[in-house]
Full PDB file with SEQRES, HELIX, SHEET, SSBOND, CRYST1, ORIGX, SCALE, CONECT and MASTER records, all heavy atoms in Angstrom:
SEQRES   1 A   32  PRO ASP GLU GLU SER VAL THR ALA ASP GLY ASN THR ASN          
SEQRES   2 A   32  TRP VAL LEU GLY ASN ASP ALA GLY ALA GLU HIS GLY LYS          
SEQRES   3 A   32  SER ASN LEU TYR ALA PRO                                      
CRYST1    1.000    1.000    1.000  90.00  90.00  90.00 P 1           1          
ORIGX1      1.000000  0.000000  0.000000        0.00000                         
ORIGX2      0.000000  1.000000  0.000000        0.00000                         
ORIGX3      0.000000  0.000000  1.000000        0.00000                         
SCALE1      1.000000  0.000000  0.000000        0.00000                         
SCALE2      0.000000  1.000000  0.000000        0.00000                         
SCALE3      0.000000  0.000000  1.000000        0.00000                         
ATOM      1  N   PRO A   1       5.653  11.758   0.530  1.00  0.00           N  
ATOM      2  CA  PRO A   1       4.972  12.985   0.977  1.00  0.00           C  
ATOM      3  C   PRO A   1       4.870  14.065  -0.083  1.00  0.00           C  
ATOM      4  O   PRO A   1       3.918  14.847  -0.092  1.00  0.00           O  
ATOM      5  CB  PRO A   1       5.829  13.441   2.164  1.00  0.00           C  
ATOM      6  CG  PRO A   1       6.536  12.203   2.624  1.00  0.00           C  
ATOM      7  CD  PRO A   1       6.790  11.401   1.391  1.00  0.00           C  
ATOM      8  N   ASP A   2       5.848  14.138  -0.969  1.00  0.00           N  
ATOM      9  CA  ASP A   2       5.872  15.243  -1.944  1.00  0.00           C  
ATOM     10  C   ASP A   2       5.474  14.796  -3.349  1.00  0.00           C  
ATOM     11  O   ASP A   2       5.659  15.552  -4.311  1.00  0.00           O  
ATOM     12  CB  ASP A   2       7.278  15.854  -1.987  1.00  0.00           C  
ATOM     13  CG  ASP A   2       7.720  16.405  -0.644  1.00  0.00           C  
ATOM     14  OD1 ASP A   2       6.859  16.983   0.058  1.00  0.00           O  
ATOM     15  OD2 ASP A   2       8.907  16.236  -0.286  1.00  0.00           O  
ATOM     16  N   GLU A   3       4.933  13.597  -3.473  1.00  0.00           N  
ATOM     17  CA  GLU A   3       4.602  13.071  -4.803  1.00  0.00           C  
ATOM     18  C   GLU A   3       3.130  13.282  -5.126  1.00  0.00           C  
ATOM     19  O   GLU A   3       2.315  13.600  -4.252  1.00  0.00           O  
ATOM     20  CB  GLU A   3       4.949  11.579  -4.879  1.00  0.00           C  
ATOM     21  CG  GLU A   3       6.414  11.266  -4.610  1.00  0.00           C  
ATOM     22  CD  GLU A   3       7.343  11.856  -5.659  1.00  0.00           C  
ATOM     23  OE1 GLU A   3       6.853  12.201  -6.767  1.00  0.00           O  
ATOM     24  OE2 GLU A   3       8.543  11.979  -5.392  1.00  0.00           O  
ATOM     25  N   GLU A   4       2.801  13.092  -6.388  1.00  0.00           N  
ATOM     26  CA  GLU A   4       1.439  13.301  -6.877  1.00  0.00           C  
ATOM     27  C   GLU A   4       0.489  12.226  -6.340  1.00  0.00           C  
ATOM     28  O   GLU A   4       0.831  11.040  -6.303  1.00  0.00           O  
ATOM     29  CB  GLU A   4       1.437  13.276  -8.404  1.00  0.00           C  
ATOM     30  CG  GLU A   4       0.071  13.472  -9.044  1.00  0.00           C  
ATOM     31  CD  GLU A   4       0.121  13.364 -10.557  1.00  0.00           C  
ATOM     32  OE1 GLU A   4       1.218  13.125 -11.104  1.00  0.00           O  
ATOM     33  OE2 GLU A   4      -0.958  13.489 -11.185  1.00  0.00           O  
ATOM     34  N   SER A   5      -0.709  12.654  -5.946  1.00  0.00           N  
ATOM     35  CA  SER A   5      -1.742  11.713  -5.514  1.00  0.00           C  
ATOM     36  C   SER A   5      -2.507  11.229  -6.749  1.00  0.00           C  
ATOM     37  O   SER A   5      -2.999  12.040  -7.540  1.00  0.00           O  
ATOM     38  CB  SER A   5      -2.699  12.387  -4.533  1.00  0.00           C  
ATOM     39  OG  SER A   5      -3.699  11.481  -4.119  1.00  0.00           O  
ATOM     40  N   VAL A   6      -2.596   9.905  -6.905  1.00  0.00           N  
ATOM     41  CA  VAL A   6      -3.202   9.338  -8.113  1.00  0.00           C  
ATOM     42  C   VAL A   6      -4.233   8.268  -7.736  1.00  0.00           C  
ATOM     43  O   VAL A   6      -4.279   7.793  -6.603  1.00  0.00           O  
ATOM     44  CB  VAL A   6      -2.130   8.724  -9.034  1.00  0.00           C  
ATOM     45  CG1 VAL A   6      -1.238   9.809  -9.615  1.00  0.00           C  
ATOM     46  CG2 VAL A   6      -1.304   7.679  -8.284  1.00  0.00           C  
ATOM     47  N   THR A   7      -5.058   7.900  -8.706  1.00  0.00           N  
ATOM     48  CA  THR A   7      -6.099   6.882  -8.503  1.00  0.00           C  
ATOM     49  C   THR A   7      -5.479   5.481  -8.527  1.00  0.00           C  
ATOM     50  O   THR A   7      -4.264   5.316  -8.638  1.00  0.00           O  
ATOM     51  CB  THR A   7      -7.162   6.980  -9.588  1.00  0.00           C  
ATOM     52  OG1 THR A   7      -6.574   6.644 -10.853  1.00  0.00           O  
ATOM     53  CG2 THR A   7      -7.736   8.390  -9.656  1.00  0.00           C  
ATOM     54  N   ALA A   8      -6.342   4.476  -8.480  1.00  0.00           N  
ATOM     55  CA  ALA A   8      -5.888   3.089  -8.441  1.00  0.00           C  
ATOM     56  C   ALA A   8      -5.110   2.677  -9.690  1.00  0.00           C  
ATOM     57  O   ALA A   8      -4.344   1.710  -9.653  1.00  0.00           O  
ATOM     58  CB  ALA A   8      -7.082   2.163  -8.251  1.00  0.00           C  
ATOM     59  N   ASP A   9      -5.296   3.391 -10.804  1.00  0.00           N  
ATOM     60  CA  ASP A   9      -4.526   3.082 -12.017  1.00  0.00           C  
ATOM     61  C   ASP A   9      -3.086   3.561 -11.924  1.00  0.00           C  
ATOM     62  O   ASP A   9      -2.263   3.220 -12.774  1.00  0.00           O  
ATOM     63  CB  ASP A   9      -5.189   3.702 -13.249  1.00  0.00           C  
ATOM     64  CG  ASP A   9      -6.355   2.872 -13.748  1.00  0.00           C  
ATOM     65  OD1 ASP A   9      -6.413   1.663 -13.427  1.00  0.00           O  
ATOM     66  OD2 ASP A   9      -7.220   3.416 -14.464  1.00  0.00           O  
ATOM     67  N   GLY A  10      -2.780   4.382 -10.906  1.00  0.00           N  
ATOM     68  CA  GLY A  10      -1.418   4.853 -10.702  1.00  0.00           C  
ATOM     69  C   GLY A  10      -1.029   6.001 -11.618  1.00  0.00           C  
ATOM     70  O   GLY A  10      -1.840   6.499 -12.409  1.00  0.00           O  
ATOM     71  N   ASN A  11       0.224   6.407 -11.521  1.00  0.00           N  
ATOM     72  CA  ASN A  11       0.764   7.463 -12.373  1.00  0.00           C  
ATOM     73  C   ASN A  11       1.246   6.820 -13.666  1.00  0.00           C  
ATOM     74  O   ASN A  11       2.330   6.250 -13.729  1.00  0.00           O  
ATOM     75  CB  ASN A  11       1.914   8.175 -11.658  1.00  0.00           C  
ATOM     76  CG  ASN A  11       2.449   9.358 -12.450  1.00  0.00           C  
ATOM     77  OD1 ASN A  11       2.129   9.532 -13.626  1.00  0.00           O  
ATOM     78  ND2 ASN A  11       3.275  10.177 -11.811  1.00  0.00           N  
ATOM     79  N   THR A  12       0.421   6.909 -14.703  1.00  0.00           N  
ATOM     80  CA  THR A  12       0.719   6.206 -15.961  1.00  0.00           C  
ATOM     81  C   THR A  12       1.895   6.813 -16.708  1.00  0.00           C  
ATOM     82  O   THR A  12       2.366   6.232 -17.694  1.00  0.00           O  
ATOM     83  CB  THR A  12      -0.522   6.187 -16.867  1.00  0.00           C  
ATOM     84  OG1 THR A  12      -0.976   7.522 -17.083  1.00  0.00           O  
ATOM     85  CG2 THR A  12      -1.640   5.378 -16.222  1.00  0.00           C  
ATOM     86  N   ASN A  13       2.373   7.978 -16.266  1.00  0.00           N  
ATOM     87  CA  ASN A  13       3.553   8.581 -16.883  1.00  0.00           C  
ATOM     88  C   ASN A  13       4.852   8.106 -16.219  1.00  0.00           C  
ATOM     89  O   ASN A  13       5.941   8.530 -16.607  1.00  0.00           O  
ATOM     90  CB  ASN A  13       3.472  10.112 -16.789  1.00  0.00           C  
ATOM     91  CG  ASN A  13       2.320  10.679 -17.603  1.00  0.00           C  
ATOM     92  OD1 ASN A  13       2.087  10.243 -18.738  1.00  0.00           O  
ATOM     93  ND2 ASN A  13       1.584  11.617 -17.026  1.00  0.00           N  
ATOM     94  N   TRP A  14       4.721   7.253 -15.216  1.00  0.00           N  
ATOM     95  CA  TRP A  14       5.906   6.780 -14.494  1.00  0.00           C  
ATOM     96  C   TRP A  14       5.741   5.274 -14.266  1.00  0.00           C  
ATOM     97  O   TRP A  14       5.098   4.832 -13.333  1.00  0.00           O  
ATOM     98  CB  TRP A  14       6.029   7.531 -13.165  1.00  0.00           C  
ATOM     99  CG  TRP A  14       7.270   7.226 -12.372  1.00  0.00           C  
ATOM    100  CD1 TRP A  14       8.261   6.336 -12.676  1.00  0.00           C  
ATOM    101  CD2 TRP A  14       7.652   7.823 -11.134  1.00  0.00           C  
ATOM    102  NE1 TRP A  14       9.221   6.329 -11.714  1.00  0.00           N  
ATOM    103  CE2 TRP A  14       8.887   7.239 -10.747  1.00  0.00           C  
ATOM    104  CE3 TRP A  14       7.081   8.797 -10.310  1.00  0.00           C  
ATOM    105  CZ2 TRP A  14       9.546   7.598  -9.572  1.00  0.00           C  
ATOM    106  CZ3 TRP A  14       7.731   9.146  -9.146  1.00  0.00           C  
ATOM    107  CH2 TRP A  14       8.957   8.562  -8.780  1.00  0.00           C  
ATOM    108  N   VAL A  15       6.318   4.501 -15.150  1.00  0.00           N  
ATOM    109  CA  VAL A  15       6.250   3.042 -15.065  1.00  0.00           C  
ATOM    110  C   VAL A  15       7.594   2.523 -14.575  1.00  0.00           C  
ATOM    111  O   VAL A  15       8.649   2.960 -15.032  1.00  0.00           O  
ATOM    112  CB  VAL A  15       5.902   2.417 -16.425  1.00  0.00           C  
ATOM    113  CG1 VAL A  15       5.951   0.892 -16.360  1.00  0.00           C  
ATOM    114  CG2 VAL A  15       4.514   2.878 -16.882  1.00  0.00           C  
ATOM    115  N   LEU A  16       7.568   1.591 -13.650  1.00  0.00           N  
ATOM    116  CA  LEU A  16       8.808   1.067 -13.084  1.00  0.00           C  
ATOM    117  C   LEU A  16       8.609  -0.373 -12.646  1.00  0.00           C  
ATOM    118  O   LEU A  16       7.496  -0.902 -12.641  1.00  0.00           O  
ATOM    119  CB  LEU A  16       9.273   1.915 -11.907  1.00  0.00           C  
ATOM    120  CG  LEU A  16       8.543   1.771 -10.555  1.00  0.00           C  
ATOM    121  CD1 LEU A  16       9.288   2.528  -9.467  1.00  0.00           C  
ATOM    122  CD2 LEU A  16       7.096   2.181 -10.605  1.00  0.00           C  
ATOM    123  N   GLY A  17       9.716  -1.010 -12.256  1.00  0.00           N  
ATOM    124  CA  GLY A  17       9.679  -2.351 -11.698  1.00  0.00           C  
ATOM    125  C   GLY A  17      10.236  -2.316 -10.287  1.00  0.00           C  
ATOM    126  O   GLY A  17      10.724  -1.283  -9.810  1.00  0.00           O  
ATOM    127  N   ASN A  18      10.166  -3.433  -9.595  1.00  0.00           N  
ATOM    128  CA  ASN A  18      10.741  -3.533  -8.263  1.00  0.00           C  
ATOM    129  C   ASN A  18      12.260  -3.471  -8.374  1.00  0.00           C  
ATOM    130  O   ASN A  18      12.860  -4.196  -9.171  1.00  0.00           O  
ATOM    131  CB  ASN A  18      10.306  -4.859  -7.621  1.00  0.00           C  
ATOM    132  CG  ASN A  18      10.811  -5.021  -6.206  1.00  0.00           C  
ATOM    133  OD1 ASN A  18      11.133  -4.035  -5.527  1.00  0.00           O  
ATOM    134  ND2 ASN A  18      10.893  -6.256  -5.743  1.00  0.00           N  
ATOM    135  N   ASP A  19      12.897  -2.606  -7.596  1.00  0.00           N  
ATOM    136  CA  ASP A  19      14.351  -2.474  -7.676  1.00  0.00           C  
ATOM    137  C   ASP A  19      15.052  -3.786  -7.376  1.00  0.00           C  
ATOM    138  O   ASP A  19      16.155  -4.039  -7.876  1.00  0.00           O  
ATOM    139  CB  ASP A  19      14.846  -1.384  -6.708  1.00  0.00           C  
ATOM    140  CG  ASP A  19      14.684   0.018  -7.292  1.00  0.00           C  
ATOM    141  OD1 ASP A  19      13.939   0.152  -8.284  1.00  0.00           O  
ATOM    142  OD2 ASP A  19      15.277   0.972  -6.748  1.00  0.00           O  
ATOM    143  N   ALA A  20      14.429  -4.635  -6.563  1.00  0.00           N  
ATOM    144  CA  ALA A  20      15.024  -5.925  -6.229  1.00  0.00           C  
ATOM    145  C   ALA A  20      14.724  -6.980  -7.289  1.00  0.00           C  
ATOM    146  O   ALA A  20      15.228  -8.098  -7.208  1.00  0.00           O  
ATOM    147  CB  ALA A  20      14.512  -6.398  -4.870  1.00  0.00           C  
ATOM    148  N   GLY A  21      13.922  -6.628  -8.267  1.00  0.00           N  
ATOM    149  CA  GLY A  21      13.542  -7.600  -9.280  1.00  0.00           C  
ATOM    150  C   GLY A  21      12.614  -8.644  -8.682  1.00  0.00           C  
ATOM    151  O   GLY A  21      11.765  -8.343  -7.852  1.00  0.00           O  
ATOM    152  N   ALA A  22      12.780  -9.897  -9.105  1.00  0.00           N  
ATOM    153  CA  ALA A  22      12.025 -10.993  -8.496  1.00  0.00           C  
ATOM    154  C   ALA A  22      12.497 -11.140  -7.051  1.00  0.00           C  
ATOM    155  O   ALA A  22      13.696 -11.185  -6.778  1.00  0.00           O  
ATOM    156  CB  ALA A  22      12.260 -12.279  -9.270  1.00  0.00           C  
ATOM    157  N   GLU A  23      11.534 -11.208  -6.137  1.00  0.00           N  
ATOM    158  CA  GLU A  23      11.900 -11.176  -4.717  1.00  0.00           C  
ATOM    159  C   GLU A  23      10.954 -12.055  -3.910  1.00  0.00           C  
ATOM    160  O   GLU A  23       9.745 -12.076  -4.146  1.00  0.00           O  
ATOM    161  CB  GLU A  23      11.843  -9.731  -4.216  1.00  0.00           C  
ATOM    162  CG  GLU A  23      12.405  -9.529  -2.823  1.00  0.00           C  
ATOM    163  CD  GLU A  23      12.402  -8.060  -2.403  1.00  0.00           C  
ATOM    164  OE1 GLU A  23      11.656  -7.253  -3.017  1.00  0.00           O  
ATOM    165  OE2 GLU A  23      13.138  -7.717  -1.468  1.00  0.00           O  
ATOM    166  N   HIS A  24      11.511 -12.806  -2.967  1.00  0.00           N  
ATOM    167  CA  HIS A  24      10.734 -13.660  -2.072  1.00  0.00           C  
ATOM    168  C   HIS A  24       9.808 -14.602  -2.840  1.00  0.00           C  
ATOM    169  O   HIS A  24       8.628 -14.760  -2.512  1.00  0.00           O  
ATOM    170  CB  HIS A  24       9.935 -12.817  -1.082  1.00  0.00           C  
ATOM    171  CG  HIS A  24      10.782 -11.989  -0.168  1.00  0.00           C  
ATOM    172  ND1 HIS A  24      11.901 -12.497   0.482  1.00  0.00           N  
ATOM    173  CD2 HIS A  24      10.692 -10.687   0.203  1.00  0.00           C  
ATOM    174  CE1 HIS A  24      12.458 -11.557   1.218  1.00  0.00           C  
ATOM    175  NE2 HIS A  24      11.755 -10.435   1.053  1.00  0.00           N  
ATOM    176  N   GLY A  25      10.353 -15.237  -3.864  1.00  0.00           N  
ATOM    177  CA  GLY A  25       9.612 -16.234  -4.627  1.00  0.00           C  
ATOM    178  C   GLY A  25       8.588 -15.681  -5.583  1.00  0.00           C  
ATOM    179  O   GLY A  25       7.828 -16.447  -6.184  1.00  0.00           O  
ATOM    180  N   LYS A  26       8.561 -14.365  -5.762  1.00  0.00           N  
ATOM    181  CA  LYS A  26       7.563 -13.740  -6.628  1.00  0.00           C  
ATOM    182  C   LYS A  26       8.256 -13.044  -7.795  1.00  0.00           C  
ATOM    183  O   LYS A  26       9.371 -12.544  -7.662  1.00  0.00           O  
ATOM    184  CB  LYS A  26       6.718 -12.729  -5.843  1.00  0.00           C  
ATOM    185  CG  LYS A  26       6.112 -13.317  -4.562  1.00  0.00           C  
ATOM    186  CD  LYS A  26       5.462 -12.241  -3.720  1.00  0.00           C  
ATOM    187  CE  LYS A  26       5.101 -12.769  -2.344  1.00  0.00           C  
ATOM    188  NZ  LYS A  26       6.297 -13.008  -1.483  1.00  0.00           N  
ATOM    189  N   SER A  27       7.554 -12.984  -8.908  1.00  0.00           N  
ATOM    190  CA  SER A  27       8.135 -12.384 -10.107  1.00  0.00           C  
ATOM    191  C   SER A  27       8.271 -10.877  -9.955  1.00  0.00           C  
ATOM    192  O   SER A  27       7.669 -10.260  -9.072  1.00  0.00           O  
ATOM    193  CB  SER A  27       7.245 -12.678 -11.320  1.00  0.00           C  
ATOM    194  OG  SER A  27       6.043 -11.920 -11.235  1.00  0.00           O  
ATOM    195  N   ASN A  28       9.052 -10.297 -10.831  1.00  0.00           N  
ATOM    196  CA  ASN A  28       9.102  -8.838 -10.938  1.00  0.00           C  
ATOM    197  C   ASN A  28       7.841  -8.383 -11.692  1.00  0.00           C  
ATOM    198  O   ASN A  28       7.060  -9.210 -12.192  1.00  0.00           O  
ATOM    199  CB  ASN A  28      10.365  -8.407 -11.670  1.00  0.00           C  
ATOM    200  CG  ASN A  28      10.666  -6.927 -11.485  1.00  0.00           C  
ATOM    201  OD1 ASN A  28       9.969  -6.211 -10.767  1.00  0.00           O  
ATOM    202  ND2 ASN A  28      11.714  -6.449 -12.140  1.00  0.00           N  
ATOM    203  N   LEU A  29       7.666  -7.089 -11.814  1.00  0.00           N  
ATOM    204  CA  LEU A  29       6.504  -6.531 -12.502  1.00  0.00           C  
ATOM    205  C   LEU A  29       6.833  -5.126 -12.968  1.00  0.00           C  
ATOM    206  O   LEU A  29       7.518  -4.378 -12.266  1.00  0.00           O  
ATOM    207  CB  LEU A  29       5.298  -6.478 -11.550  1.00  0.00           C  
ATOM    208  CG  LEU A  29       4.039  -5.753 -12.057  1.00  0.00           C  
ATOM    209  CD1 LEU A  29       3.370  -6.573 -13.154  1.00  0.00           C  
ATOM    210  CD2 LEU A  29       3.058  -5.492 -10.917  1.00  0.00           C  
ATOM    211  N   TYR A  30       6.334  -4.762 -14.158  1.00  0.00           N  
ATOM    212  CA  TYR A  30       6.433  -3.386 -14.645  1.00  0.00           C  
ATOM    213  C   TYR A  30       5.022  -2.815 -14.745  1.00  0.00           C  
ATOM    214  O   TYR A  30       4.171  -3.337 -15.482  1.00  0.00           O  
ATOM    215  CB  TYR A  30       7.138  -3.336 -15.995  1.00  0.00           C  
ATOM    216  CG  TYR A  30       8.604  -3.693 -15.882  1.00  0.00           C  
ATOM    217  CD1 TYR A  30       9.042  -4.978 -16.211  1.00  0.00           C  
ATOM    218  CD2 TYR A  30       9.538  -2.769 -15.418  1.00  0.00           C  
ATOM    219  CE1 TYR A  30      10.380  -5.321 -16.080  1.00  0.00           C  
ATOM    220  CE2 TYR A  30      10.884  -3.106 -15.283  1.00  0.00           C  
ATOM    221  CZ  TYR A  30      11.293  -4.384 -15.618  1.00  0.00           C  
ATOM    222  OH  TYR A  30      12.618  -4.734 -15.477  1.00  0.00           O  
ATOM    223  N   ALA A  31       4.770  -1.757 -13.966  1.00  0.00           N  
ATOM    224  CA  ALA A  31       3.438  -1.152 -13.904  1.00  0.00           C  
ATOM    225  C   ALA A  31       3.567   0.289 -13.425  1.00  0.00           C  
ATOM    226  O   ALA A  31       4.601   0.686 -12.866  1.00  0.00           O  
ATOM    227  CB  ALA A  31       2.540  -1.952 -12.957  1.00  0.00           C  
ATOM    228  N   PRO A  32       2.525   1.109 -13.628  1.00  0.00           N  
ATOM    229  CA  PRO A  32       2.577   2.501 -13.154  1.00  0.00           C  
ATOM    230  C   PRO A  32       2.751   2.569 -11.640  1.00  0.00           C  
ATOM    231  O   PRO A  32       2.145   1.796 -10.898  1.00  0.00           O  
ATOM    232  CB  PRO A  32       1.210   3.062 -13.576  1.00  0.00           C  
ATOM    233  CG  PRO A  32       0.801   2.226 -14.741  1.00  0.00           C  
ATOM    234  CD  PRO A  32       1.308   0.847 -14.426  1.00  0.00           C  
TER     235      PRO A  32                                                      
MASTER        0    0    0    0    0    0    0    6  234    1    0    3          
END                                                                             
């Protein structure tokens, strides 16, 4: 609710991965 609204490219100043890492048979990912 209190975060910045961004386009489909996401917030390019904040890149992260899934906290659970690879999960449910799927790889992790680092993206905005």
